[in-house]
N, C-alpha and C. Protein backbone atom coordinates (compact mmCIF):
# COMPACT_ATOMS: atom_id res chain seq x y z
N MET A 1 89.64 112.01 88.62
CA MET A 1 89.69 112.52 90.21
C MET A 1 90.64 111.03 90.41
N VAL A 2 91.73 111.27 90.82
CA VAL A 2 93.03 110.80 91.29
C VAL A 2 92.90 109.88 92.19
N ASP A 3 93.15 108.67 92.71
CA ASP A 3 92.47 107.80 93.36
C ASP A 3 93.88 108.27 93.83
N LEU A 4 93.64 109.02 95.42
CA LEU A 4 94.80 109.37 96.23
C LEU A 4 95.47 108.21 97.20
N GLU A 5 94.53 107.41 97.82
CA GLU A 5 94.75 106.60 98.70
C GLU A 5 95.60 105.52 97.76
N ARG A 6 95.48 105.28 96.45
CA ARG A 6 95.93 104.31 95.90
C ARG A 6 97.52 104.54 95.45
N PHE A 7 97.77 106.32 95.04
CA PHE A 7 99.38 107.04 95.22
C PHE A 7 99.89 106.86 96.61
N ARG A 8 98.97 106.97 97.73
CA ARG A 8 99.52 107.34 99.11
C ARG A 8 100.40 106.17 99.47
N PHE A 9 99.92 104.66 99.17
CA PHE A 9 100.42 103.19 99.10
C PHE A 9 101.42 103.14 98.21
N LEU A 10 101.62 103.71 97.11
CA LEU A 10 102.69 103.33 96.11
C LEU A 10 103.66 104.38 96.72
N LEU A 11 103.47 105.42 97.37
CA LEU A 11 104.50 106.24 97.61
C LEU A 11 105.00 105.85 98.86
N GLU A 12 104.41 105.02 99.53
CA GLU A 12 104.69 104.45 100.93
C GLU A 12 105.52 103.55 100.78
N GLU A 13 105.45 102.70 99.96
CA GLU A 13 106.44 101.69 99.41
C GLU A 13 107.20 102.14 98.76
N GLU A 14 107.53 102.87 98.19
CA GLU A 14 108.58 103.45 97.17
C GLU A 14 109.55 103.70 98.11
N ARG A 15 109.00 104.60 99.63
CA ARG A 15 109.97 105.33 100.42
C ARG A 15 110.57 104.45 101.28
N ASN A 16 109.61 103.41 101.57
CA ASN A 16 110.27 102.49 102.27
C ASN A 16 111.22 101.46 101.65
N ARG A 17 111.04 101.15 100.14
CA ARG A 17 112.37 100.82 99.31
C ARG A 17 113.45 101.40 99.47
N LYS A 18 113.52 103.17 99.54
CA LYS A 18 114.30 103.84 99.48
C LYS A 18 115.08 103.59 100.49
N LEU A 19 114.29 103.96 101.77
CA LEU A 19 114.62 103.91 103.20
C LEU A 19 115.96 102.51 103.61
N GLU A 20 115.24 101.39 102.73
CA GLU A 20 116.15 99.94 103.10
C GLU A 20 117.26 100.17 102.17
N LEU A 21 117.08 100.56 101.14
CA LEU A 21 118.65 100.86 100.10
C LEU A 21 119.58 101.67 101.07
N LEU A 22 119.08 102.78 101.27
CA LEU A 22 119.72 103.50 102.17
C LEU A 22 120.80 103.25 103.23
N LYS A 23 119.97 102.34 104.13
CA LYS A 23 120.31 101.73 105.18
C LYS A 23 121.40 100.77 104.49
N SER A 24 120.95 100.11 103.65
CA SER A 24 122.17 98.91 103.01
C SER A 24 123.53 99.42 102.48
N LEU A 25 123.02 100.80 101.78
CA LEU A 25 124.12 101.32 101.03
C LEU A 25 125.30 102.33 102.19
N ARG A 26 124.80 102.54 103.57
CA ARG A 26 125.55 102.92 104.44
C ARG A 26 126.30 102.14 104.92
N SER A 27 125.38 100.51 105.20
CA SER A 27 126.16 99.49 105.77
C SER A 27 127.22 99.08 104.80
N ASP A 28 127.40 99.21 103.35
CA ASP A 28 128.26 99.26 102.38
C ASP A 28 129.58 99.75 102.67
N ILE A 29 129.32 100.97 102.42
CA ILE A 29 129.98 102.24 102.46
C ILE A 29 131.04 102.27 103.47
N ALA A 30 130.13 101.62 105.03
CA ALA A 30 131.43 101.63 106.49
C ALA A 30 131.97 100.43 106.28
N SER A 31 131.79 99.25 105.53
CA SER A 31 132.17 98.10 105.39
C SER A 31 133.59 98.46 104.63
N VAL A 32 133.45 98.94 103.65
CA VAL A 32 134.33 99.10 102.25
C VAL A 32 135.85 99.99 103.33
N SER A 33 134.43 101.15 103.90
CA SER A 33 135.84 102.15 104.55
C SER A 33 136.57 101.48 106.05
N LEU A 34 136.13 100.47 106.33
CA LEU A 34 136.69 100.05 107.43
C LEU A 34 137.93 98.59 107.10
N ALA A 35 137.34 98.39 105.78
CA ALA A 35 138.52 97.53 105.37
C ALA A 35 139.33 98.26 104.83
N ARG A 36 139.45 99.10 104.23
CA ARG A 36 140.17 100.29 103.71
C ARG A 36 140.88 100.62 104.51
N GLN A 37 140.68 101.11 105.75
CA GLN A 37 141.38 101.62 106.89
C GLN A 37 142.16 100.78 107.59
N ASP A 38 141.66 99.51 107.68
CA ASP A 38 142.61 98.34 108.39
C ASP A 38 143.46 97.43 107.45
N SER A 39 143.85 98.12 106.30
CA SER A 39 144.95 97.56 105.29
C SER A 39 145.47 98.66 104.79
N ASN A 40 147.11 98.26 104.39
CA ASN A 40 148.06 99.05 104.55
C ASN A 40 147.78 99.46 102.80
N VAL A 41 146.82 100.08 102.09
CA VAL A 41 146.62 99.73 100.61
C VAL A 41 146.75 101.26 100.68
N ASP A 42 147.95 101.31 99.10
CA ASP A 42 147.94 102.16 98.55
C ASP A 42 147.33 102.30 97.37
N ASP A 43 146.00 103.18 97.46
CA ASP A 43 144.86 103.19 96.28
C ASP A 43 145.47 103.19 94.63
N GLU A 44 146.41 104.21 94.81
CA GLU A 44 146.75 104.50 93.47
C GLU A 44 147.93 103.49 92.93
N HIS A 45 148.76 102.61 93.59
CA HIS A 45 149.59 101.86 93.04
C HIS A 45 149.24 100.43 93.21
N ASP A 46 147.95 100.10 93.92
CA ASP A 46 147.54 98.86 94.49
C ASP A 46 146.55 98.23 93.20
N PRO A 47 146.36 97.38 92.98
CA PRO A 47 145.72 96.67 91.51
C PRO A 47 143.89 96.69 92.23
N GLU A 48 144.11 96.49 93.73
CA GLU A 48 142.58 96.68 94.23
C GLU A 48 142.45 97.87 94.92
N GLY A 49 143.34 99.03 94.62
CA GLY A 49 143.04 100.08 95.04
C GLY A 49 141.72 100.56 94.16
N SER A 50 142.10 100.68 92.99
CA SER A 50 141.09 101.28 92.27
C SER A 50 139.75 100.29 92.35
N THR A 51 139.52 99.36 92.55
CA THR A 51 138.05 99.03 92.80
C THR A 51 137.69 99.12 93.92
N ILE A 52 138.60 99.15 95.28
CA ILE A 52 138.00 99.82 96.50
C ILE A 52 137.25 101.49 96.31
N ALA A 53 138.38 102.01 95.45
CA ALA A 53 137.30 103.62 95.03
C ALA A 53 136.76 103.64 94.36
N PHE A 54 136.71 102.71 93.43
CA PHE A 54 135.15 102.61 92.51
C PHE A 54 134.07 102.10 93.36
N GLU A 55 133.93 101.35 94.27
CA GLU A 55 132.79 100.59 94.90
C GLU A 55 132.53 101.67 95.69
N LEU A 56 133.56 102.70 96.40
CA LEU A 56 132.87 103.80 97.12
C LEU A 56 132.19 104.72 96.34
N SER A 57 132.96 104.79 95.77
CA SER A 57 132.57 106.16 94.66
C SER A 57 130.88 106.01 94.07
N GLN A 58 130.92 104.29 93.76
CA GLN A 58 129.49 103.94 93.10
C GLN A 58 128.31 104.14 94.04
N ALA A 59 128.70 103.46 95.40
CA ALA A 59 127.83 103.75 96.77
C ALA A 59 127.43 104.83 97.10
N SER A 60 128.90 105.80 97.02
CA SER A 60 128.29 107.45 97.21
C SER A 60 127.25 107.79 96.18
N ALA A 61 126.96 107.60 94.90
CA ALA A 61 126.37 107.85 93.99
C ALA A 61 124.96 107.31 94.22
N LEU A 62 125.11 106.13 94.33
CA LEU A 62 123.63 105.42 94.77
C LEU A 62 122.89 106.15 96.14
N MET A 63 123.78 106.24 97.22
CA MET A 63 122.96 107.24 98.06
C MET A 63 122.54 108.42 97.56
N GLY A 64 123.36 108.90 97.15
CA GLY A 64 122.99 110.24 96.24
C GLY A 64 121.80 110.52 95.81
N GLN A 65 121.52 109.61 94.92
CA GLN A 65 120.13 109.38 94.18
C GLN A 65 118.86 108.99 95.00
N SER A 66 119.59 107.92 95.95
CA SER A 66 118.19 107.41 96.52
C SER A 66 117.82 108.81 97.96
N ARG A 67 118.88 109.06 98.11
CA ARG A 67 118.12 110.46 99.15
C ARG A 67 116.98 111.60 98.33
N LEU A 68 117.76 111.84 96.76
CA LEU A 68 117.30 112.91 95.94
C LEU A 68 115.51 112.17 95.97
N GLY A 69 115.46 110.80 95.76
CA GLY A 69 114.56 110.34 95.54
C GLY A 69 113.48 110.18 96.30
N LEU A 70 113.92 110.05 97.66
CA LEU A 70 113.18 109.80 98.98
C LEU A 70 112.91 111.31 98.90
N GLU A 71 113.23 112.34 99.06
CA GLU A 71 112.84 113.81 98.83
C GLU A 71 111.75 114.04 98.26
N GLN A 72 111.87 113.56 96.95
CA GLN A 72 110.85 113.85 96.40
C GLN A 72 109.56 112.89 96.40
N ILE A 73 109.83 111.70 97.06
CA ILE A 73 108.46 111.16 97.93
C ILE A 73 107.90 111.64 98.58
N GLU A 74 108.56 112.10 99.48
CA GLU A 74 108.44 112.74 100.68
C GLU A 74 107.36 114.12 100.26
N ALA A 75 107.85 114.71 99.50
CA ALA A 75 107.06 116.33 98.74
C ALA A 75 106.19 115.75 97.94
N ALA A 76 106.23 114.47 97.37
CA ALA A 76 104.81 114.29 97.17
C ALA A 76 103.77 113.86 97.91
N LEU A 77 103.93 113.25 99.27
CA LEU A 77 102.58 112.74 100.21
C LEU A 77 102.47 114.06 100.77
N VAL A 78 103.39 115.06 100.87
CA VAL A 78 102.77 116.58 101.39
C VAL A 78 101.81 116.97 100.32
N ARG A 79 102.23 116.61 99.07
CA ARG A 79 101.01 117.25 98.39
C ARG A 79 99.93 116.58 98.46
N ILE A 80 100.05 114.84 98.79
CA ILE A 80 98.60 114.44 99.11
C ILE A 80 98.11 115.28 100.18
N ALA A 81 98.85 115.66 101.52
CA ALA A 81 97.96 115.83 102.45
C ALA A 81 97.53 117.35 101.89
N ASP A 82 97.88 118.49 101.69
CA ASP A 82 97.88 119.74 101.29
C ASP A 82 96.49 119.79 99.83
N GLY A 83 96.42 118.42 99.22
CA GLY A 83 95.10 118.35 98.44
C GLY A 83 96.27 118.52 97.09
N THR A 84 97.37 119.22 96.68
CA THR A 84 97.76 119.68 95.30
C THR A 84 98.52 118.24 94.52
N TYR A 85 98.02 117.25 95.37
CA TYR A 85 98.81 116.12 94.31
C TYR A 85 98.45 116.27 93.04
N GLY A 86 98.72 115.67 92.01
CA GLY A 86 98.23 115.35 91.01
C GLY A 86 98.12 116.50 89.55
N GLN A 87 98.38 117.61 90.23
CA GLN A 87 98.23 118.83 89.25
C GLN A 87 99.73 119.53 89.24
N CYS A 88 100.00 119.93 87.92
CA CYS A 88 101.31 120.73 87.84
C CYS A 88 101.43 121.57 88.63
N ALA A 89 102.88 121.50 89.14
CA ALA A 89 103.37 122.77 89.62
C ALA A 89 103.72 123.54 89.44
N VAL A 90 103.74 123.60 87.82
CA VAL A 90 103.86 124.90 86.84
C VAL A 90 102.48 125.54 86.34
N CYS A 91 101.89 124.58 85.86
CA CYS A 91 100.57 125.49 85.19
C CYS A 91 99.43 124.73 86.04
N GLY A 92 99.39 124.08 86.67
CA GLY A 92 98.39 123.58 87.47
C GLY A 92 97.59 122.82 87.21
N VAL A 93 97.86 122.17 85.72
CA VAL A 93 96.58 121.19 84.97
C VAL A 93 96.83 119.78 85.40
N PRO A 94 95.86 119.16 85.63
CA PRO A 94 95.64 117.64 86.18
C PRO A 94 97.15 117.02 85.29
N ILE A 95 97.64 116.26 86.08
CA ILE A 95 98.83 115.52 85.42
C ILE A 95 98.27 114.01 85.26
N PRO A 96 98.46 113.60 83.99
CA PRO A 96 97.76 112.26 83.75
C PRO A 96 97.78 110.87 84.63
N GLU A 97 97.18 110.39 84.62
CA GLU A 97 97.18 109.04 85.94
C GLU A 97 98.12 108.35 85.53
N GLY A 98 98.45 108.17 83.74
CA GLY A 98 99.16 107.21 83.29
C GLY A 98 100.75 107.62 84.07
N ARG A 99 100.74 108.86 83.82
CA ARG A 99 102.09 109.69 84.15
C ARG A 99 102.15 109.32 85.71
N LEU A 100 101.39 109.74 86.74
CA LEU A 100 101.33 109.41 88.00
C LEU A 100 101.65 108.04 88.14
N GLU A 101 101.38 106.95 87.54
CA GLU A 101 101.83 105.32 87.54
C GLU A 101 102.83 105.43 87.45
N ALA A 102 103.50 105.63 86.56
CA ALA A 102 104.95 105.80 85.87
C ALA A 102 105.94 106.20 86.92
N ARG A 103 105.52 107.35 87.43
CA ARG A 103 106.59 108.22 88.57
C ARG A 103 105.60 108.97 89.56
N PRO A 104 105.07 108.55 90.41
CA PRO A 104 104.26 108.84 91.34
C PRO A 104 104.40 110.10 92.28
N TRP A 105 105.88 110.02 91.97
CA TRP A 105 106.45 111.48 92.88
C TRP A 105 106.44 112.58 91.92
N THR A 106 106.14 112.42 90.55
CA THR A 106 106.25 113.78 89.47
C THR A 106 105.34 114.77 90.18
N PRO A 107 106.23 116.06 89.96
CA PRO A 107 105.18 117.27 90.66
C PRO A 107 104.93 117.93 88.98
N PHE A 108 105.51 117.53 87.80
CA PHE A 108 105.09 118.12 86.54
C PHE A 108 104.19 117.19 85.83
N CYS A 109 103.39 118.09 84.76
CA CYS A 109 102.77 117.40 83.93
C CYS A 109 103.66 117.22 82.55
N VAL A 110 103.35 116.69 81.90
CA VAL A 110 104.50 115.96 80.57
C VAL A 110 104.95 117.22 79.98
N HIS A 111 104.37 117.97 79.62
CA HIS A 111 104.64 119.07 79.13
C HIS A 111 106.11 119.86 80.06
N HIS A 112 105.51 120.16 81.12
CA HIS A 112 106.82 120.88 81.71
C HIS A 112 107.86 119.94 82.47
N ALA A 113 107.57 118.55 82.48
CA ALA A 113 108.74 117.53 83.04
C ALA A 113 109.61 117.75 81.74
N SER A 114 109.57 117.89 80.75
CA SER A 114 110.49 117.93 79.46
C SER A 114 111.03 119.51 79.09
N GLY A 115 111.11 120.18 80.22
CA GLY A 115 111.40 121.41 79.87
C GLY A 115 111.04 122.65 78.78
N THR A 116 110.00 122.19 78.14
CA THR A 116 109.39 122.99 77.43
C THR A 116 108.44 123.78 78.15
N ARG A 117 108.87 125.05 78.05
CA ARG A 117 107.97 126.30 79.14
C ARG A 117 107.48 127.17 78.41
C-alpha cells in the first residue's frame, strides 16, 4: 500500500516550487519585455537583439513546461483525493513505489509510460 500522506506532501512541495518558479518566470518575462519596449532596439540588426529574443523564448518555454508540470501535480492530488493514486490509468495495476518516488505525479506504470501498449 502506498503511503498517500507522504506522496501528498511531496506533491504539495513540488507544486509550491512550480508556483514560485512560474511567479519568477512571469517577472523575468515582464522585465525583459519592458526593457525591450523602452529601448529602440531592432532585434534583427542589434547584436543584443538575439540575446533578448533568446531570453524571452527560453523563459516562455520554461513557463510552458512548468505549467504542464503543475497540471500533472494537480491531477495527481485529485487522484489521491479520489482513491486512484498509485494505480496505472491504463491497466489499473499498482505503480511501483520506486517509480512514484521518482515521478510522484505519474499516472502510468512503467509498461504504459514507455509507450508500449
